[in-house]
N, C-alpha and C. Protein backbone atom coordinates (compact mmCIF):
# COMPACT_ATOMS: atom_id res chain seq x y z
N MET A 1 -51.39 -74.47 -96.62
CA MET A 1 -51.12 -75.59 -97.48
C MET A 1 -50.44 -76.70 -96.66
N ALA A 2 -51.04 -77.85 -96.58
CA ALA A 2 -50.51 -78.96 -95.79
C ALA A 2 -49.40 -79.67 -96.55
N MET A 3 -48.42 -80.16 -95.79
CA MET A 3 -47.31 -80.89 -96.38
C MET A 3 -47.68 -82.37 -96.46
N ASP A 4 -47.49 -82.97 -97.62
CA ASP A 4 -47.77 -84.38 -97.81
C ASP A 4 -46.54 -85.19 -97.42
N ILE A 5 -46.68 -86.01 -96.40
CA ILE A 5 -45.57 -86.81 -95.89
C ILE A 5 -45.00 -87.70 -96.99
N GLU A 6 -45.84 -88.20 -97.89
CA GLU A 6 -45.38 -89.10 -98.95
C GLU A 6 -44.46 -88.39 -99.93
N GLN A 7 -44.46 -87.07 -99.99
CA GLN A 7 -43.60 -86.32 -100.89
C GLN A 7 -42.18 -86.19 -100.35
N LEU A 8 -42.00 -86.42 -99.08
CA LEU A 8 -40.68 -86.30 -98.47
C LEU A 8 -39.85 -87.54 -98.79
N PRO A 9 -38.54 -87.36 -98.99
CA PRO A 9 -37.70 -88.54 -99.26
C PRO A 9 -37.62 -89.43 -98.03
N SER A 10 -37.49 -90.73 -98.27
CA SER A 10 -37.38 -91.66 -97.15
C SER A 10 -36.09 -91.39 -96.40
N THR A 11 -36.11 -91.69 -95.13
CA THR A 11 -34.92 -91.50 -94.30
C THR A 11 -33.75 -92.31 -94.86
N LYS A 12 -34.05 -93.48 -95.38
CA LYS A 12 -33.01 -94.39 -95.86
C LYS A 12 -32.29 -93.85 -97.10
N SER A 13 -33.00 -93.15 -97.98
CA SER A 13 -32.40 -92.76 -99.26
C SER A 13 -32.13 -91.27 -99.41
N ARG A 14 -32.50 -90.46 -98.46
CA ARG A 14 -32.45 -89.02 -98.66
C ARG A 14 -31.04 -88.46 -98.82
N ILE A 15 -30.04 -89.04 -98.17
CA ILE A 15 -28.67 -88.53 -98.31
C ILE A 15 -28.16 -88.78 -99.72
N THR A 16 -28.30 -90.03 -100.20
CA THR A 16 -27.80 -90.34 -101.54
C THR A 16 -28.60 -89.60 -102.62
N MET A 17 -29.88 -89.39 -102.38
CA MET A 17 -30.70 -88.63 -103.34
C MET A 17 -30.22 -87.19 -103.45
N ASN A 18 -29.67 -86.66 -102.37
CA ASN A 18 -29.25 -85.26 -102.34
C ASN A 18 -27.74 -85.10 -102.48
N THR A 19 -27.08 -86.14 -102.97
CA THR A 19 -25.65 -86.10 -103.22
C THR A 19 -25.43 -86.22 -104.72
N PRO A 20 -24.54 -85.42 -105.29
CA PRO A 20 -24.27 -85.55 -106.73
C PRO A 20 -23.88 -86.98 -107.08
N GLU A 21 -24.35 -87.44 -108.23
CA GLU A 21 -24.09 -88.81 -108.66
C GLU A 21 -22.59 -89.11 -108.76
N SER A 22 -21.79 -88.11 -109.09
CA SER A 22 -20.35 -88.34 -109.18
C SER A 22 -19.76 -88.72 -107.82
N ILE A 23 -20.26 -88.10 -106.75
CA ILE A 23 -19.78 -88.42 -105.40
C ILE A 23 -20.31 -89.79 -104.97
N ASN A 24 -21.60 -90.06 -105.23
CA ASN A 24 -22.14 -91.39 -104.92
C ASN A 24 -21.34 -92.47 -105.64
N GLY A 25 -21.02 -92.22 -106.90
CA GLY A 25 -20.25 -93.18 -107.68
C GLY A 25 -18.87 -93.41 -107.12
N GLU A 26 -18.22 -92.34 -106.67
CA GLU A 26 -16.88 -92.48 -106.08
C GLU A 26 -16.94 -93.30 -104.79
N ILE A 27 -17.95 -93.07 -103.98
CA ILE A 27 -18.11 -93.84 -102.75
C ILE A 27 -18.37 -95.31 -103.08
N GLU A 28 -19.20 -95.57 -104.08
CA GLU A 28 -19.47 -96.95 -104.51
C GLU A 28 -18.20 -97.63 -105.02
N ARG A 29 -17.40 -96.90 -105.80
CA ARG A 29 -16.14 -97.47 -106.31
C ARG A 29 -15.18 -97.77 -105.16
N GLN A 30 -15.17 -96.91 -104.15
CA GLN A 30 -14.29 -97.15 -103.00
C GLN A 30 -14.72 -98.38 -102.23
N ILE A 31 -16.03 -98.57 -102.06
CA ILE A 31 -16.53 -99.77 -101.39
C ILE A 31 -16.10 -101.01 -102.17
N GLU A 32 -16.28 -100.97 -103.48
CA GLU A 32 -15.89 -102.10 -104.33
C GLU A 32 -14.39 -102.37 -104.23
N ALA A 33 -13.58 -101.31 -104.25
CA ALA A 33 -12.13 -101.48 -104.12
C ALA A 33 -11.77 -102.07 -102.76
N ASN A 34 -12.44 -101.62 -101.71
CA ASN A 34 -12.18 -102.15 -100.37
C ASN A 34 -12.48 -103.65 -100.31
N VAL A 35 -13.64 -104.03 -100.85
CA VAL A 35 -14.02 -105.45 -100.82
C VAL A 35 -13.04 -106.28 -101.65
N ASN A 36 -12.66 -105.77 -102.82
CA ASN A 36 -11.69 -106.49 -103.65
C ASN A 36 -10.35 -106.65 -102.94
N TYR A 37 -9.93 -105.62 -102.23
CA TYR A 37 -8.68 -105.71 -101.46
C TYR A 37 -8.78 -106.80 -100.40
N PHE A 38 -9.88 -106.82 -99.67
CA PHE A 38 -10.01 -107.76 -98.56
C PHE A 38 -10.28 -109.19 -99.03
N LYS A 39 -10.65 -109.37 -100.29
CA LYS A 39 -10.79 -110.72 -100.83
C LYS A 39 -9.47 -111.48 -100.75
N ARG A 40 -8.36 -110.75 -100.77
CA ARG A 40 -7.03 -111.36 -100.77
C ARG A 40 -6.40 -111.39 -99.38
N GLN A 41 -7.18 -111.07 -98.37
CA GLN A 41 -6.64 -111.00 -97.01
C GLN A 41 -7.09 -112.22 -96.20
N ASP A 42 -6.44 -112.41 -95.08
CA ASP A 42 -6.80 -113.53 -94.21
C ASP A 42 -8.03 -113.19 -93.36
N LYS A 43 -8.55 -114.20 -92.71
CA LYS A 43 -9.77 -114.07 -91.92
C LYS A 43 -9.66 -112.99 -90.84
N GLU A 44 -8.54 -112.97 -90.12
CA GLU A 44 -8.38 -112.01 -89.02
C GLU A 44 -8.37 -110.57 -89.54
N THR A 45 -7.76 -110.35 -90.69
CA THR A 45 -7.72 -109.00 -91.28
C THR A 45 -9.13 -108.55 -91.67
N ILE A 46 -9.89 -109.46 -92.25
CA ILE A 46 -11.27 -109.14 -92.63
C ILE A 46 -12.10 -108.86 -91.38
N GLU A 47 -11.93 -109.66 -90.35
CA GLU A 47 -12.68 -109.44 -89.10
C GLU A 47 -12.32 -108.10 -88.47
N ARG A 48 -11.03 -107.71 -88.52
CA ARG A 48 -10.63 -106.39 -87.99
C ARG A 48 -11.29 -105.27 -88.79
N ARG A 49 -11.37 -105.45 -90.12
CA ARG A 49 -12.01 -104.43 -90.96
C ARG A 49 -13.49 -104.30 -90.59
N ILE A 50 -14.15 -105.42 -90.37
CA ILE A 50 -15.57 -105.37 -89.99
C ILE A 50 -15.73 -104.64 -88.67
N LEU A 51 -14.86 -104.91 -87.72
CA LEU A 51 -14.91 -104.18 -86.44
C LEU A 51 -14.68 -102.69 -86.64
N HIS A 52 -13.75 -102.35 -87.53
CA HIS A 52 -13.48 -100.94 -87.84
C HIS A 52 -14.72 -100.30 -88.46
N LEU A 53 -15.40 -101.01 -89.35
CA LEU A 53 -16.61 -100.47 -89.98
C LEU A 53 -17.71 -100.23 -88.96
N GLU A 54 -17.79 -101.05 -87.94
CA GLU A 54 -18.80 -100.87 -86.90
C GLU A 54 -18.58 -99.59 -86.10
N GLU A 55 -17.35 -99.08 -86.13
CA GLU A 55 -17.01 -97.85 -85.42
C GLU A 55 -17.02 -96.61 -86.33
N GLU A 56 -17.16 -96.82 -87.63
CA GLU A 56 -17.09 -95.70 -88.58
C GLU A 56 -18.25 -94.73 -88.38
N TRP A 57 -17.93 -93.46 -88.40
CA TRP A 57 -18.97 -92.43 -88.27
C TRP A 57 -19.66 -92.25 -89.61
N ASP A 58 -20.99 -92.21 -89.59
CA ASP A 58 -21.77 -92.02 -90.81
C ASP A 58 -22.13 -90.54 -90.99
N THR A 59 -22.73 -90.23 -92.12
CA THR A 59 -23.05 -88.82 -92.44
C THR A 59 -23.93 -88.18 -91.38
N GLU A 60 -24.91 -88.90 -90.89
CA GLU A 60 -25.81 -88.32 -89.89
C GLU A 60 -25.04 -87.91 -88.63
N ARG A 61 -24.17 -88.77 -88.18
CA ARG A 61 -23.42 -88.48 -86.95
C ARG A 61 -22.48 -87.29 -87.16
N VAL A 62 -21.83 -87.24 -88.31
CA VAL A 62 -20.92 -86.13 -88.59
C VAL A 62 -21.70 -84.82 -88.70
N LEU A 63 -22.85 -84.86 -89.38
CA LEU A 63 -23.67 -83.64 -89.47
C LEU A 63 -24.16 -83.19 -88.10
N GLU A 64 -24.60 -84.13 -87.28
CA GLU A 64 -25.08 -83.78 -85.95
C GLU A 64 -23.98 -83.13 -85.12
N LEU A 65 -22.79 -83.71 -85.15
CA LEU A 65 -21.67 -83.14 -84.40
C LEU A 65 -21.32 -81.76 -84.93
N ASN A 66 -21.25 -81.63 -86.25
CA ASN A 66 -20.90 -80.36 -86.88
C ASN A 66 -21.90 -79.27 -86.50
N MET A 67 -23.17 -79.56 -86.68
CA MET A 67 -24.19 -78.55 -86.42
C MET A 67 -24.33 -78.22 -84.94
N ALA A 68 -24.26 -79.24 -84.10
CA ALA A 68 -24.37 -78.99 -82.65
C ALA A 68 -23.19 -78.17 -82.15
N SER A 69 -22.00 -78.46 -82.67
CA SER A 69 -20.80 -77.70 -82.26
C SER A 69 -20.92 -76.24 -82.66
N ILE A 70 -21.34 -76.00 -83.89
CA ILE A 70 -21.48 -74.62 -84.37
C ILE A 70 -22.55 -73.90 -83.56
N ALA A 71 -23.68 -74.57 -83.31
CA ALA A 71 -24.75 -73.94 -82.53
C ALA A 71 -24.29 -73.62 -81.11
N LEU A 72 -23.55 -74.53 -80.49
CA LEU A 72 -23.08 -74.32 -79.12
C LEU A 72 -22.09 -73.16 -79.06
N VAL A 73 -21.11 -73.16 -79.94
CA VAL A 73 -20.09 -72.11 -79.93
C VAL A 73 -20.72 -70.75 -80.24
N SER A 74 -21.60 -70.71 -81.25
CA SER A 74 -22.20 -69.42 -81.60
C SER A 74 -23.14 -68.93 -80.49
N SER A 75 -23.80 -69.82 -79.80
CA SER A 75 -24.65 -69.42 -78.67
C SER A 75 -23.81 -68.84 -77.54
N MET A 76 -22.68 -69.49 -77.24
CA MET A 76 -21.80 -68.97 -76.19
C MET A 76 -21.23 -67.62 -76.60
N LEU A 77 -20.84 -67.48 -77.87
CA LEU A 77 -20.34 -66.19 -78.34
C LEU A 77 -21.44 -65.13 -78.30
N GLY A 78 -22.66 -65.55 -78.58
CA GLY A 78 -23.79 -64.63 -78.50
C GLY A 78 -24.03 -64.12 -77.10
N LEU A 79 -23.85 -64.99 -76.13
CA LEU A 79 -24.03 -64.59 -74.73
C LEU A 79 -22.86 -63.78 -74.20
N ALA A 80 -21.66 -64.12 -74.61
CA ALA A 80 -20.46 -63.51 -74.03
C ALA A 80 -19.90 -62.35 -74.83
N VAL A 81 -20.07 -62.36 -76.16
CA VAL A 81 -19.38 -61.37 -76.98
C VAL A 81 -20.35 -60.39 -77.65
N ASN A 82 -21.22 -60.94 -78.48
CA ASN A 82 -22.12 -60.09 -79.25
C ASN A 82 -23.36 -60.90 -79.61
N LYS A 83 -24.53 -60.33 -79.35
CA LYS A 83 -25.78 -61.04 -79.60
C LYS A 83 -25.97 -61.41 -81.08
N LYS A 84 -25.24 -60.77 -81.97
CA LYS A 84 -25.37 -61.10 -83.39
C LYS A 84 -24.93 -62.53 -83.70
N TRP A 85 -24.13 -63.11 -82.83
CA TRP A 85 -23.72 -64.51 -83.01
C TRP A 85 -24.91 -65.46 -82.94
N MET A 86 -25.99 -65.02 -82.31
CA MET A 86 -27.20 -65.84 -82.21
C MET A 86 -27.79 -66.13 -83.59
N TYR A 87 -27.53 -65.27 -84.56
CA TYR A 87 -28.00 -65.52 -85.93
C TYR A 87 -27.38 -66.80 -86.49
N VAL A 88 -26.14 -67.06 -86.14
CA VAL A 88 -25.49 -68.29 -86.60
C VAL A 88 -26.20 -69.50 -86.01
N SER A 89 -26.52 -69.44 -84.73
CA SER A 89 -27.27 -70.54 -84.09
C SER A 89 -28.62 -70.73 -84.77
N GLY A 90 -29.26 -69.64 -85.09
CA GLY A 90 -30.55 -69.72 -85.79
C GLY A 90 -30.41 -70.35 -87.16
N ALA A 91 -29.38 -69.96 -87.90
CA ALA A 91 -29.16 -70.52 -89.23
C ALA A 91 -28.87 -72.02 -89.15
N VAL A 92 -28.06 -72.43 -88.19
CA VAL A 92 -27.75 -73.85 -88.02
C VAL A 92 -29.02 -74.63 -87.68
N SER A 93 -29.88 -74.04 -86.87
CA SER A 93 -31.15 -74.70 -86.54
C SER A 93 -32.01 -74.88 -87.78
N VAL A 94 -32.03 -73.89 -88.65
CA VAL A 94 -32.78 -74.00 -89.91
C VAL A 94 -32.17 -75.11 -90.77
N PHE A 95 -30.85 -75.17 -90.84
CA PHE A 95 -30.18 -76.23 -91.62
C PHE A 95 -30.52 -77.62 -91.05
N MET A 96 -30.53 -77.74 -89.71
CA MET A 96 -30.87 -79.02 -89.09
C MET A 96 -32.31 -79.42 -89.43
N LEU A 97 -33.21 -78.46 -89.37
CA LEU A 97 -34.61 -78.72 -89.71
C LEU A 97 -34.73 -79.11 -91.18
N GLN A 98 -34.04 -78.38 -92.04
CA GLN A 98 -34.07 -78.68 -93.48
C GLN A 98 -33.54 -80.09 -93.75
N HIS A 99 -32.46 -80.46 -93.07
CA HIS A 99 -31.91 -81.80 -93.25
C HIS A 99 -32.88 -82.86 -92.76
N ALA A 100 -33.51 -82.63 -91.62
CA ALA A 100 -34.46 -83.60 -91.08
C ALA A 100 -35.64 -83.81 -92.02
N ILE A 101 -36.10 -82.75 -92.67
CA ILE A 101 -37.26 -82.84 -93.54
C ILE A 101 -36.89 -83.30 -94.95
N GLN A 102 -35.87 -82.67 -95.53
CA GLN A 102 -35.54 -82.91 -96.94
C GLN A 102 -34.35 -83.84 -97.15
N GLY A 103 -33.50 -83.96 -96.17
CA GLY A 103 -32.30 -84.78 -96.33
C GLY A 103 -31.15 -84.01 -96.95
N TRP A 104 -31.26 -82.71 -97.02
CA TRP A 104 -30.19 -81.89 -97.56
C TRP A 104 -29.95 -80.71 -96.63
N CYS A 105 -28.69 -80.28 -96.55
CA CYS A 105 -28.32 -79.05 -95.86
C CYS A 105 -26.98 -78.60 -96.44
N PRO A 106 -26.61 -77.33 -96.28
CA PRO A 106 -25.40 -76.82 -96.92
C PRO A 106 -24.11 -77.61 -96.67
N PRO A 107 -23.85 -78.14 -95.47
CA PRO A 107 -22.59 -78.87 -95.30
C PRO A 107 -22.58 -80.27 -95.94
N LEU A 108 -23.73 -80.79 -96.31
CA LEU A 108 -23.80 -82.16 -96.81
C LEU A 108 -22.90 -82.43 -98.02
N PRO A 109 -22.89 -81.59 -99.05
CA PRO A 109 -22.00 -81.89 -100.19
C PRO A 109 -20.53 -81.99 -99.79
N LEU A 110 -20.07 -81.15 -98.90
CA LEU A 110 -18.68 -81.21 -98.45
C LEU A 110 -18.41 -82.49 -97.67
N ILE A 111 -19.31 -82.83 -96.78
CA ILE A 111 -19.15 -84.04 -95.98
C ILE A 111 -19.11 -85.27 -96.88
N ARG A 112 -19.98 -85.30 -97.88
CA ARG A 112 -19.98 -86.43 -98.81
C ARG A 112 -18.73 -86.44 -99.68
N LYS A 113 -18.28 -85.26 -100.10
CA LYS A 113 -17.07 -85.17 -100.90
C LYS A 113 -15.86 -85.68 -100.12
N LEU A 114 -15.88 -85.51 -98.81
CA LEU A 114 -14.81 -86.02 -97.96
C LEU A 114 -14.88 -87.55 -97.79
N GLY A 115 -15.92 -88.16 -98.37
CA GLY A 115 -16.04 -89.62 -98.33
C GLY A 115 -16.79 -90.16 -97.13
N ILE A 116 -17.46 -89.29 -96.39
CA ILE A 116 -18.25 -89.76 -95.25
C ILE A 116 -19.48 -90.48 -95.82
N ARG A 117 -19.67 -91.72 -95.36
CA ARG A 117 -20.69 -92.58 -95.94
C ARG A 117 -21.95 -92.65 -95.08
N THR A 118 -23.03 -93.07 -95.73
CA THR A 118 -24.28 -93.32 -95.01
C THR A 118 -24.17 -94.64 -94.28
N VAL A 119 -25.09 -94.89 -93.36
CA VAL A 119 -25.14 -96.16 -92.65
C VAL A 119 -25.30 -97.30 -93.66
N ASP A 120 -26.16 -97.10 -94.66
CA ASP A 120 -26.36 -98.15 -95.66
C ASP A 120 -25.10 -98.46 -96.45
N GLU A 121 -24.32 -97.44 -96.78
CA GLU A 121 -23.07 -97.65 -97.51
C GLU A 121 -22.05 -98.41 -96.65
N ILE A 122 -21.98 -98.05 -95.40
CA ILE A 122 -21.09 -98.75 -94.48
C ILE A 122 -21.54 -100.21 -94.34
N ASN A 123 -22.84 -100.40 -94.17
CA ASN A 123 -23.37 -101.75 -94.02
C ASN A 123 -23.20 -102.59 -95.28
N LEU A 124 -23.22 -101.95 -96.44
CA LEU A 124 -23.01 -102.67 -97.70
C LEU A 124 -21.61 -103.30 -97.71
N GLU A 125 -20.61 -102.51 -97.34
CA GLU A 125 -19.25 -103.05 -97.29
C GLU A 125 -19.14 -104.12 -96.21
N LYS A 126 -19.74 -103.86 -95.05
CA LYS A 126 -19.67 -104.82 -93.95
C LYS A 126 -20.31 -106.15 -94.35
N GLN A 127 -21.45 -106.09 -95.03
CA GLN A 127 -22.14 -107.32 -95.44
C GLN A 127 -21.33 -108.06 -96.50
N ALA A 128 -20.72 -107.33 -97.43
CA ALA A 128 -19.89 -107.98 -98.46
C ALA A 128 -18.70 -108.69 -97.81
N LEU A 129 -18.11 -108.06 -96.80
CA LEU A 129 -16.99 -108.70 -96.10
C LEU A 129 -17.45 -109.91 -95.28
N GLN A 130 -18.62 -109.79 -94.68
CA GLN A 130 -19.17 -110.92 -93.94
C GLN A 130 -19.45 -112.09 -94.89
N ASN A 131 -19.93 -111.77 -96.09
CA ASN A 131 -20.17 -112.81 -97.09
C ASN A 131 -18.86 -113.49 -97.48
N LEU A 132 -17.77 -112.71 -97.57
CA LEU A 132 -16.46 -113.30 -97.86
C LEU A 132 -16.09 -114.32 -96.77
N LEU A 133 -16.29 -113.92 -95.52
CA LEU A 133 -15.98 -114.82 -94.41
C LEU A 133 -16.82 -116.09 -94.49
N ASP A 134 -18.11 -115.92 -94.77
CA ASP A 134 -19.02 -117.07 -94.83
C ASP A 134 -18.66 -118.00 -95.97
N ASP A 135 -18.23 -117.44 -97.11
CA ASP A 135 -17.93 -118.24 -98.30
C ASP A 135 -16.56 -118.86 -98.25
N GLU A 136 -15.59 -118.14 -97.72
CA GLU A 136 -14.19 -118.57 -97.82
C GLU A 136 -13.71 -119.36 -96.60
N PHE A 137 -14.22 -119.03 -95.43
CA PHE A 137 -13.61 -119.62 -94.23
C PHE A 137 -14.59 -120.51 -93.54
């Protein structure tokens, strides 16, 4: 049975599609609160926030670091301690594959609950702040 590429979620929306609406809503409210806070700040403070946003780690980067770290440590433990640790590396590889195809993997709900945002969510706040600069200053 062939997989239809059109059935897969787009790369752009797959994280938010696979995140509970309550968490997406909380992240949206935080973005709105951030923008409202910076509306009352001076130009330099807004510019510093934009620079900070450019350095913020997004969900993809956090997932990649998390999964790669677990795979590396479990592989080393598999070589040095007990070959059964290789099962952990295998499971992490399956999770990475699942995330690449479907946009979901077991650590994703926790990462989102911690407030780690997608690139689009970060860019939404950054663009709103840039609009403040363009309109106000």
